[in-house]
PDB file of all heavy atoms in Angstrom:
ATOM      1  N   PHE A   1      -2.572 -17.827  58.936  1.00  0.00           N
ATOM      2  CA  PHE A   1      -1.367 -17.733  58.123  1.00  0.00           C
ATOM      3  C   PHE A   1      -1.605 -16.732  56.989  1.00  0.00           C
ATOM      4  O   PHE A   1      -2.692 -16.698  56.402  1.00  0.00           O
ATOM      5  CB  PHE A   1      -1.010 -19.100  57.527  1.00  0.00           C
ATOM      6  CG  PHE A   1      -0.457 -20.068  58.525  1.00  0.00           C
ATOM      7  CD1 PHE A   1      -1.307 -20.860  59.289  1.00  0.00           C
ATOM      8  CD2 PHE A   1       0.912 -20.192  58.716  1.00  0.00           C
ATOM      9  CE1 PHE A   1      -0.800 -21.759  60.208  1.00  0.00           C
ATOM     10  CE2 PHE A   1       1.428 -21.092  59.638  1.00  0.00           C
ATOM     11  CZ  PHE A   1       0.567 -21.877  60.395  1.00  0.00           C
ATOM     12  N   ARG A   2      -0.581 -15.962  56.695  1.00  0.00           N
ATOM     13  CA  ARG A   2      -0.633 -15.027  55.567  1.00  0.00           C
ATOM     14  C   ARG A   2       0.600 -15.292  54.700  1.00  0.00           C
ATOM     15  O   ARG A   2       1.725 -15.093  55.137  1.00  0.00           O
ATOM     16  CB  ARG A   2      -0.635 -13.579  56.071  1.00  0.00           C
ATOM     17  CG  ARG A   2      -0.712 -12.523  54.991  1.00  0.00           C
ATOM     18  CD  ARG A   2      -2.039 -12.520  54.270  1.00  0.00           C
ATOM     19  NE  ARG A   2      -3.188 -12.346  55.135  1.00  0.00           N
ATOM     20  CZ  ARG A   2      -4.429 -12.237  54.678  1.00  0.00           C
ATOM     21  NH1 ARG A   2      -4.664 -12.284  53.355  1.00  0.00           N
ATOM     22  NH2 ARG A   2      -5.443 -12.096  55.518  1.00  0.00           N
ATOM     23  N   PHE A   3       0.369 -15.786  53.488  1.00  0.00           N
ATOM     24  CA  PHE A   3       1.455 -16.191  52.593  1.00  0.00           C
ATOM     25  C   PHE A   3       1.519 -15.235  51.409  1.00  0.00           C
ATOM     26  O   PHE A   3       0.538 -15.054  50.692  1.00  0.00           O
ATOM     27  CB  PHE A   3       1.213 -17.626  52.112  1.00  0.00           C
ATOM     28  CG  PHE A   3       2.207 -18.130  51.105  1.00  0.00           C
ATOM     29  CD1 PHE A   3       3.574 -17.931  51.271  1.00  0.00           C
ATOM     30  CD2 PHE A   3       1.772 -18.829  49.987  1.00  0.00           C
ATOM     31  CE1 PHE A   3       4.484 -18.409  50.341  1.00  0.00           C
ATOM     32  CE2 PHE A   3       2.666 -19.303  49.049  1.00  0.00           C
ATOM     33  CZ  PHE A   3       4.033 -19.093  49.231  1.00  0.00           C
ATOM     34  N   ASP A   4       2.694 -14.627  51.213  1.00  0.00           N
ATOM     35  CA  ASP A   4       2.926 -13.716  50.089  1.00  0.00           C
ATOM     36  C   ASP A   4       4.078 -14.281  49.271  1.00  0.00           C
ATOM     37  O   ASP A   4       5.246 -14.165  49.651  1.00  0.00           O
ATOM     38  CB  ASP A   4       3.269 -12.311  50.589  1.00  0.00           C
ATOM     39  CG  ASP A   4       3.288 -11.272  49.466  1.00  0.00           C
ATOM     40  OD1 ASP A   4       3.730 -11.607  48.352  1.00  0.00           O
ATOM     41  OD2 ASP A   4       2.863 -10.128  49.714  1.00  0.00           O
ATOM     42  N   ARG A   5       3.733 -14.900  48.147  1.00  0.00           N
ATOM     43  CA  ARG A   5       4.753 -15.540  47.312  1.00  0.00           C
ATOM     44  C   ARG A   5       5.713 -14.521  46.726  1.00  0.00           C
ATOM     45  O   ARG A   5       6.930 -14.773  46.643  1.00  0.00           O
ATOM     46  CB  ARG A   5       4.060 -16.335  46.186  1.00  0.00           C
ATOM     47  CG  ARG A   5       5.006 -16.878  45.113  1.00  0.00           C
ATOM     48  CD  ARG A   5       5.959 -17.909  45.672  1.00  0.00           C
ATOM     49  NE  ARG A   5       6.804 -18.483  44.649  1.00  0.00           N
ATOM     50  CZ  ARG A   5       7.924 -17.934  44.177  1.00  0.00           C
ATOM     51  NH1 ARG A   5       8.314 -16.743  44.639  1.00  0.00           N
ATOM     52  NH2 ARG A   5       8.648 -18.538  43.253  1.00  0.00           N
ATOM     53  N   GLU A   6       5.217 -13.369  46.321  1.00  0.00           N
ATOM     54  CA  GLU A   6       6.075 -12.365  45.683  1.00  0.00           C
ATOM     55  C   GLU A   6       7.110 -11.833  46.678  1.00  0.00           C
ATOM     56  O   GLU A   6       8.279 -11.633  46.324  1.00  0.00           O
ATOM     57  CB  GLU A   6       5.221 -11.217  45.134  1.00  0.00           C
ATOM     58  CG  GLU A   6       4.249 -11.640  44.052  1.00  0.00           C
ATOM     59  CD  GLU A   6       4.944 -12.322  42.890  1.00  0.00           C
ATOM     60  OE1 GLU A   6       6.027 -11.825  42.489  1.00  0.00           O
ATOM     61  OE2 GLU A   6       4.426 -13.336  42.384  1.00  0.00           O
ATOM     62  N   LYS A   7       6.706 -11.588  47.910  1.00  0.00           N
ATOM     63  CA  LYS A   7       7.638 -11.080  48.924  1.00  0.00           C
ATOM     64  C   LYS A   7       8.435 -12.204  49.589  1.00  0.00           C
ATOM     65  O   LYS A   7       9.324 -11.919  50.390  1.00  0.00           O
ATOM     66  CB  LYS A   7       6.866 -10.320  50.002  1.00  0.00           C
ATOM     67  CG  LYS A   7       6.256  -9.006  49.535  1.00  0.00           C
ATOM     68  CD  LYS A   7       5.590  -8.294  50.719  1.00  0.00           C
ATOM     69  CE  LYS A   7       4.995  -6.965  50.312  1.00  0.00           C
ATOM     70  NZ  LYS A   7       4.344  -6.278  51.465  1.00  0.00           N
ATOM     71  N   ARG A   8       8.081 -13.459  49.270  1.00  0.00           N
ATOM     72  CA  ARG A   8       8.718 -14.611  49.927  1.00  0.00           C
ATOM     73  C   ARG A   8       8.556 -14.491  51.439  1.00  0.00           C
ATOM     74  O   ARG A   8       9.496 -14.635  52.198  1.00  0.00           O
ATOM     75  CB  ARG A   8      10.195 -14.721  49.536  1.00  0.00           C
ATOM     76  CG  ARG A   8      10.431 -15.136  48.113  1.00  0.00           C
ATOM     77  CD  ARG A   8      11.900 -15.048  47.735  1.00  0.00           C
ATOM     78  NE  ARG A   8      12.751 -15.783  48.664  1.00  0.00           N
ATOM     79  CZ  ARG A   8      14.094 -15.710  48.665  1.00  0.00           C
ATOM     80  NH1 ARG A   8      14.705 -14.907  47.810  1.00  0.00           N
ATOM     81  NH2 ARG A   8      14.796 -16.411  49.532  1.00  0.00           N
ATOM     82  N   GLU A   9       7.307 -14.256  51.841  1.00  0.00           N
ATOM     83  CA  GLU A   9       7.050 -13.963  53.256  1.00  0.00           C
ATOM     84  C   GLU A   9       5.872 -14.795  53.762  1.00  0.00           C
ATOM     85  O   GLU A   9       4.871 -14.975  53.083  1.00  0.00           O
ATOM     86  CB  GLU A   9       6.758 -12.474  53.414  1.00  0.00           C
ATOM     87  CG  GLU A   9       6.651 -11.998  54.856  1.00  0.00           C
ATOM     88  CD  GLU A   9       6.548 -10.479  54.918  1.00  0.00           C
ATOM     89  OE1 GLU A   9       7.600  -9.817  54.770  1.00  0.00           O
ATOM     90  OE2 GLU A   9       5.428  -9.967  55.075  1.00  0.00           O
ATOM     91  N   LEU A  10       6.022 -15.287  54.977  1.00  0.00           N
ATOM     92  CA  LEU A  10       4.950 -16.022  55.648  1.00  0.00           C
ATOM     93  C   LEU A  10       4.824 -15.477  57.061  1.00  0.00           C
ATOM     94  O   LEU A  10       5.807 -15.400  57.801  1.00  0.00           O
ATOM     95  CB  LEU A  10       5.264 -17.518  55.703  1.00  0.00           C
ATOM     96  CG  LEU A  10       4.235 -18.392  56.439  1.00  0.00           C
ATOM     97  CD1 LEU A  10       2.941 -18.482  55.641  1.00  0.00           C
ATOM     98  CD2 LEU A  10       4.800 -19.794  56.707  1.00  0.00           C
ATOM     99  N   SER A  11       3.606 -15.084  57.425  1.00  0.00           N
ATOM    100  CA  SER A  11       3.371 -14.632  58.802  1.00  0.00           C
ATOM    101  C   SER A  11       2.245 -15.456  59.406  1.00  0.00           C
ATOM    102  O   SER A  11       1.353 -15.931  58.699  1.00  0.00           O
ATOM    103  CB  SER A  11       3.025 -13.140  58.842  1.00  0.00           C
ATOM    104  OG  SER A  11       1.788 -12.896  58.195  1.00  0.00           O
ATOM    105  N   VAL A  12       2.312 -15.627  60.705  1.00  0.00           N
ATOM    106  CA  VAL A  12       1.281 -16.387  61.412  1.00  0.00           C
ATOM    107  C   VAL A  12       0.893 -15.615  62.658  1.00  0.00           C
ATOM    108  O   VAL A  12       1.745 -15.136  63.406  1.00  0.00           O
ATOM    109  CB  VAL A  12       1.773 -17.810  61.758  1.00  0.00           C
ATOM    110  CG1 VAL A  12       3.064 -17.769  62.555  1.00  0.00           C
ATOM    111  CG2 VAL A  12       0.712 -18.569  62.533  1.00  0.00           C
ATOM    112  N   THR A  13      -0.408 -15.463  62.863  1.00  0.00           N
ATOM    113  CA  THR A  13      -0.926 -14.674  63.983  1.00  0.00           C
ATOM    114  C   THR A  13      -1.891 -15.523  64.796  1.00  0.00           C
ATOM    115  O   THR A  13      -2.704 -16.270  64.229  1.00  0.00           O
ATOM    116  CB  THR A  13      -1.658 -13.419  63.465  1.00  0.00           C
ATOM    117  OG1 THR A  13      -0.770 -12.658  62.647  1.00  0.00           O
ATOM    118  CG2 THR A  13      -2.142 -12.551  64.625  1.00  0.00           C
ATOM    119  N   ASP A  14      -1.796 -15.421  66.120  1.00  0.00           N
ATOM    120  CA  ASP A  14      -2.762 -16.109  66.975  1.00  0.00           C
ATOM    121  C   ASP A  14      -3.193 -15.180  68.098  1.00  0.00           C
ATOM    122  O   ASP A  14      -2.582 -14.137  68.328  1.00  0.00           O
ATOM    123  CB  ASP A  14      -2.161 -17.406  67.536  1.00  0.00           C
ATOM    124  CG  ASP A  14      -1.052 -17.167  68.545  1.00  0.00           C
ATOM    125  OD1 ASP A  14      -1.331 -16.614  69.628  1.00  0.00           O
ATOM    126  OD2 ASP A  14       0.104 -17.533  68.271  1.00  0.00           O
ATOM    127  N   ASP A  15      -4.263 -15.555  68.779  1.00  0.00           N
ATOM    128  CA  ASP A  15      -4.801 -14.735  69.868  1.00  0.00           C
ATOM    129  C   ASP A  15      -4.575 -15.390  71.221  1.00  0.00           C
ATOM    130  O   ASP A  15      -5.382 -15.258  72.136  1.00  0.00           O
ATOM    131  CB  ASP A  15      -6.292 -14.461  69.648  1.00  0.00           C
ATOM    132  CG  ASP A  15      -7.113 -15.751  69.566  1.00  0.00           C
ATOM    133  OD1 ASP A  15      -6.509 -16.854  69.551  1.00  0.00           O
ATOM    134  OD2 ASP A  15      -8.347 -15.660  69.513  1.00  0.00           O
ATOM    135  N   GLY A  16      -3.448 -16.114  71.337  1.00  0.00           N
ATOM    136  CA  GLY A  16      -3.125 -16.771  72.602  1.00  0.00           C
ATOM    137  C   GLY A  16      -2.567 -15.812  73.629  1.00  0.00           C
ATOM    138  O   GLY A  16      -2.687 -14.587  73.498  1.00  0.00           O
ATOM    139  N   HIS A  17      -1.915 -16.365  74.650  1.00  0.00           N
ATOM    140  CA  HIS A  17      -1.458 -15.518  75.751  1.00  0.00           C
ATOM    141  C   HIS A  17      -0.165 -14.765  75.446  1.00  0.00           C
ATOM    142  O   HIS A  17       0.289 -13.944  76.252  1.00  0.00           O
ATOM    143  CB  HIS A  17      -1.301 -16.334  77.035  1.00  0.00           C
ATOM    144  CG  HIS A  17      -0.380 -17.515  76.916  1.00  0.00           C
ATOM    145  ND1 HIS A  17       0.932 -17.424  76.537  1.00  0.00           N
ATOM    146  CD2 HIS A  17      -0.617 -18.841  77.146  1.00  0.00           C
ATOM    147  CE1 HIS A  17       1.487 -18.621  76.548  1.00  0.00           C
ATOM    148  NE2 HIS A  17       0.567 -19.500  76.906  1.00  0.00           N
ATOM    149  N   GLY A  18       0.450 -15.026  74.287  1.00  0.00           N
ATOM    150  CA  GLY A  18       1.634 -14.268  73.909  1.00  0.00           C
ATOM    151  C   GLY A  18       2.918 -14.820  74.488  1.00  0.00           C
ATOM    152  O   GLY A  18       2.935 -15.845  75.185  1.00  0.00           O
ATOM    153  N   ILE A  19       4.025 -14.107  74.194  1.00  0.00           N
ATOM    154  CA  ILE A  19       5.353 -14.534  74.636  1.00  0.00           C
ATOM    155  C   ILE A  19       5.732 -13.729  75.870  1.00  0.00           C
ATOM    156  O   ILE A  19       5.957 -12.521  75.799  1.00  0.00           O
ATOM    157  CB  ILE A  19       6.398 -14.319  73.520  1.00  0.00           C
ATOM    158  CG1 ILE A  19       5.986 -15.085  72.257  1.00  0.00           C
ATOM    159  CG2 ILE A  19       7.779 -14.763  73.980  1.00  0.00           C
ATOM    160  CD1 ILE A  19       6.862 -14.779  71.044  1.00  0.00           C
ATOM    161  N   ALA A  20       5.817 -14.406  77.013  1.00  0.00           N
ATOM    162  CA  ALA A  20       6.172 -13.726  78.250  1.00  0.00           C
ATOM    163  C   ALA A  20       7.682 -13.531  78.375  1.00  0.00           C
ATOM    164  O   ALA A  20       8.159 -12.509  78.866  1.00  0.00           O
ATOM    165  CB  ALA A  20       5.645 -14.507  79.453  1.00  0.00           C
ATOM    166  N   ASP A  21       8.448 -14.512  77.911  1.00  0.00           N
ATOM    167  CA  ASP A  21       9.904 -14.466  78.024  1.00  0.00           C
ATOM    168  C   ASP A  21      10.512 -14.779  76.665  1.00  0.00           C
ATOM    169  O   ASP A  21      10.498 -15.931  76.220  1.00  0.00           O
ATOM    170  CB  ASP A  21      10.372 -15.475  79.080  1.00  0.00           C
ATOM    171  CG  ASP A  21      11.877 -15.435  79.315  1.00  0.00           C
ATOM    172  OD1 ASP A  21      12.554 -14.607  78.669  1.00  0.00           O
ATOM    173  OD2 ASP A  21      12.365 -16.234  80.132  1.00  0.00           O
ATOM    174  N   PHE A  22      11.045 -13.786  75.984  1.00  0.00           N
ATOM    175  CA  PHE A  22      11.608 -13.980  74.644  1.00  0.00           C
ATOM    176  C   PHE A  22      12.873 -14.845  74.665  1.00  0.00           C
ATOM    177  O   PHE A  22      13.275 -15.367  73.627  1.00  0.00           O
ATOM    178  CB  PHE A  22      11.902 -12.623  73.997  1.00  0.00           C
ATOM    179  CG  PHE A  22      10.693 -11.949  73.431  1.00  0.00           C
ATOM    180  CD1 PHE A  22       9.789 -11.288  74.247  1.00  0.00           C
ATOM    181  CD2 PHE A  22      10.440 -11.988  72.065  1.00  0.00           C
ATOM    182  CE1 PHE A  22       8.662 -10.680  73.726  1.00  0.00           C
ATOM    183  CE2 PHE A  22       9.313 -11.383  71.532  1.00  0.00           C
ATOM    184  CZ  PHE A  22       8.423 -10.728  72.358  1.00  0.00           C
ATOM    185  N   GLN A  23      13.480 -15.016  75.827  1.00  0.00           N
ATOM    186  CA  GLN A  23      14.679 -15.857  75.919  1.00  0.00           C
ATOM    187  C   GLN A  23      14.373 -17.299  75.519  1.00  0.00           C
ATOM    188  O   GLN A  23      15.205 -17.997  74.940  1.00  0.00           O
ATOM    189  CB  GLN A  23      15.239 -15.816  77.346  1.00  0.00           C
ATOM    190  CG  GLN A  23      16.397 -16.792  77.617  1.00  0.00           C
ATOM    191  CD  GLN A  23      17.617 -16.534  76.746  1.00  0.00           C
ATOM    192  OE1 GLN A  23      17.955 -15.380  76.492  1.00  0.00           O
ATOM    193  NE2 GLN A  23      18.261 -17.596  76.277  1.00  0.00           N
ATOM    194  N   THR A  24      13.149 -17.773  75.813  1.00  0.00           N
ATOM    195  CA  THR A  24      12.813 -19.163  75.510  1.00  0.00           C
ATOM    196  C   THR A  24      12.843 -19.448  74.019  1.00  0.00           C
ATOM    197  O   THR A  24      12.986 -20.600  73.606  1.00  0.00           O
ATOM    198  CB  THR A  24      11.411 -19.508  76.061  1.00  0.00           C
ATOM    199  OG1 THR A  24      10.440 -18.623  75.479  1.00  0.00           O
ATOM    200  CG2 THR A  24      11.374 -19.354  77.574  1.00  0.00           C
ATOM    201  N   ILE A  25      12.715 -18.413  73.181  1.00  0.00           N
ATOM    202  CA  ILE A  25      12.734 -18.608  71.732  1.00  0.00           C
ATOM    203  C   ILE A  25      14.084 -19.134  71.274  1.00  0.00           C
ATOM    204  O   ILE A  25      14.169 -19.979  70.372  1.00  0.00           O
ATOM    205  CB  ILE A  25      12.397 -17.288  71.004  1.00  0.00           C
ATOM    206  CG1 ILE A  25      10.970 -16.861  71.320  1.00  0.00           C
ATOM    207  CG2 ILE A  25      12.594 -17.434  69.494  1.00  0.00           C
ATOM    208  CD1 ILE A  25      10.625 -15.483  70.807  1.00  0.00           C
ATOM    209  N   VAL A  26      15.150 -18.664  71.870  1.00  0.00           N
ATOM    210  CA  VAL A  26      16.496 -19.028  71.428  1.00  0.00           C
ATOM    211  C   VAL A  26      17.201 -19.916  72.453  1.00  0.00           C
ATOM    212  O   VAL A  26      18.424 -20.057  72.419  1.00  0.00           O
ATOM    213  CB  VAL A  26      17.347 -17.755  71.160  1.00  0.00           C
ATOM    214  CG1 VAL A  26      16.807 -17.012  69.958  1.00  0.00           C
ATOM    215  CG2 VAL A  26      17.371 -16.836  72.380  1.00  0.00           C
ATOM    216  N   HIS A  27      16.436 -20.536  73.354  1.00  0.00           N
ATOM    217  CA  HIS A  27      17.008 -21.435  74.356  1.00  0.00           C
ATOM    218  C   HIS A  27      16.685 -22.864  73.933  1.00  0.00           C
ATOM    219  O   HIS A  27      15.561 -23.338  74.099  1.00  0.00           O
ATOM    220  CB  HIS A  27      16.425 -21.127  75.737  1.00  0.00           C
ATOM    221  CG  HIS A  27      17.192 -21.769  76.858  1.00  0.00           C
ATOM    222  ND1 HIS A  27      17.070 -21.375  78.166  1.00  0.00           N
ATOM    223  CD2 HIS A  27      18.106 -22.783  76.861  1.00  0.00           C
ATOM    224  CE1 HIS A  27      17.854 -22.105  78.922  1.00  0.00           C
ATOM    225  NE2 HIS A  27      18.495 -22.975  78.142  1.00  0.00           N
ATOM    226  N   LEU A  28      17.675 -23.546  73.383  1.00  0.00           N
ATOM    227  CA  LEU A  28      17.468 -24.896  72.872  1.00  0.00           C
ATOM    228  C   LEU A  28      17.082 -25.848  74.003  1.00  0.00           C
ATOM    229  O   LEU A  28      17.685 -25.844  75.084  1.00  0.00           O
ATOM    230  CB  LEU A  28      18.747 -25.397  72.196  1.00  0.00           C
ATOM    231  CG  LEU A  28      18.667 -26.758  71.495  1.00  0.00           C
ATOM    232  CD1 LEU A  28      17.710 -26.687  70.309  1.00  0.00           C
ATOM    233  CD2 LEU A  28      20.040 -27.223  71.036  1.00  0.00           C
TER     234      LEU A  28
END
């Protein structure tokens, strides 16, 4: 996790297999 209070920003990075299908992100 990378937290920047001044920019009001939070990022998270991992070394997993990644996102194969971006549709699943917005598929409830």
